[in-house]
């Protein structure tokens, strides 16, 4: 079987800079995360797993 990948869109209810910085600092530590993008618009992060 091949490897499965997905893009997960994360949307937060608040946008405090400290919270966004914490997510950005920790997201790469999560097992299975290939990359993460902090984006503008309705979605806050796109996470490639």
C-alpha atoms as a PDB file:
ATOM      1  CA  UNK A   1       0.000   0.000   0.000  1.00  0.00           C
ATOM      2  CA  UNK A   2       1.069   3.572  -0.605  1.00  0.00           C
ATOM      3  CA  UNK A   3       1.474   6.315   1.918  1.00  0.00           C
ATOM      4  CA  UNK A   4      -1.563   8.454   2.685  1.00  0.00           C
ATOM      5  CA  UNK A   5      -1.261  12.198   3.183  1.00  0.00           C
ATOM      6  CA  UNK A   6      -3.759  14.879   4.127  1.00  0.00           C
ATOM      7  CA  UNK A   7      -3.994  18.623   4.534  1.00  0.00           C
ATOM      8  CA  UNK A   8      -5.833  19.709   7.683  1.00  0.00           C
ATOM      9  CA  UNK A   9      -7.230  23.233   7.973  1.00  0.00           C
ATOM     10  CA  UNK A  10      -7.179  24.696  11.488  1.00  0.00           C
ATOM     11  CA  UNK A  11      -9.353  27.643  12.440  1.00  0.00           C
ATOM     12  CA  UNK A  12      -9.108  29.325  15.845  1.00  0.00           C
ATOM     13  CA  UNK A  13     -11.783  31.355  17.608  1.00  0.00           C
ATOM     14  CA  UNK A  14      -9.226  33.806  18.997  1.00  0.00           C
ATOM     15  CA  UNK A  15      -6.145  35.251  17.385  1.00  0.00           C
ATOM     16  CA  UNK A  16      -3.971  36.304  20.298  1.00  0.00           C
ATOM     17  CA  UNK A  17      -0.387  36.600  19.137  1.00  0.00           C
ATOM     18  CA  UNK A  18       0.864  34.469  22.056  1.00  0.00           C
ATOM     19  CA  UNK A  19      -1.475  31.630  21.084  1.00  0.00           C
ATOM     20  CA  UNK A  20      -0.444  31.752  17.421  1.00  0.00           C
ATOM     21  CA  UNK A  21       3.244  31.815  18.403  1.00  0.00           C
ATOM     22  CA  UNK A  22       2.717  28.791  20.673  1.00  0.00           C
ATOM     23  CA  UNK A  23       1.021  26.802  17.898  1.00  0.00           C
ATOM     24  CA  UNK A  24       3.762  27.743  15.441  1.00  0.00           C
ATOM     25  CA  UNK A  25       6.475  26.687  17.912  1.00  0.00           C
ATOM     26  CA  UNK A  26       4.860  23.339  18.785  1.00  0.00           C
ATOM     27  CA  UNK A  27       3.239  22.115  15.575  1.00  0.00           C
ATOM     28  CA  UNK A  28       6.514  20.764  14.210  1.00  0.00           C
ATOM     29  CA  UNK A  29       6.909  18.597  17.313  1.00  0.00           C
ATOM     30  CA  UNK A  30       3.726  16.650  16.560  1.00  0.00           C
ATOM     31  CA  UNK A  31       4.392  13.170  15.183  1.00  0.00           C
ATOM     32  CA  UNK A  32       3.283  12.835  11.575  1.00  0.00           C
ATOM     33  CA  UNK A  33       3.347  16.539  10.719  1.00  0.00           C
ATOM     34  CA  UNK A  34       5.253  17.039   7.471  1.00  0.00           C
ATOM     35  CA  UNK A  35       4.786  20.808   7.278  1.00  0.00           C
ATOM     36  CA  UNK A  36       2.550  23.588   8.512  1.00  0.00           C
ATOM     37  CA  UNK A  37       1.669  26.928   6.999  1.00  0.00           C
ATOM     38  CA  UNK A  38       0.302  29.939   8.901  1.00  0.00           C
ATOM     39  CA  UNK A  39      -2.080  31.524   6.410  1.00  0.00           C
ATOM     40  CA  UNK A  40      -4.431  34.492   6.262  1.00  0.00           C
ATOM     41  CA  UNK A  41      -8.152  34.332   5.700  1.00  0.00           C
ATOM     42  CA  UNK A  42     -10.754  32.119   7.339  1.00  0.00           C
ATOM     43  CA  UNK A  43      -8.239  29.313   7.969  1.00  0.00           C
ATOM     44  CA  UNK A  44      -5.348  30.018  10.327  1.00  0.00           C
ATOM     45  CA  UNK A  45      -3.058  27.045   9.648  1.00  0.00           C
ATOM     46  CA  UNK A  46      -2.773  24.366   6.968  1.00  0.00           C
ATOM     47  CA  UNK A  47      -1.118  21.248   8.339  1.00  0.00           C
ATOM     48  CA  UNK A  48       0.317  18.618   5.985  1.00  0.00           C
ATOM     49  CA  UNK A  49       0.245  15.156   7.598  1.00  0.00           C
END
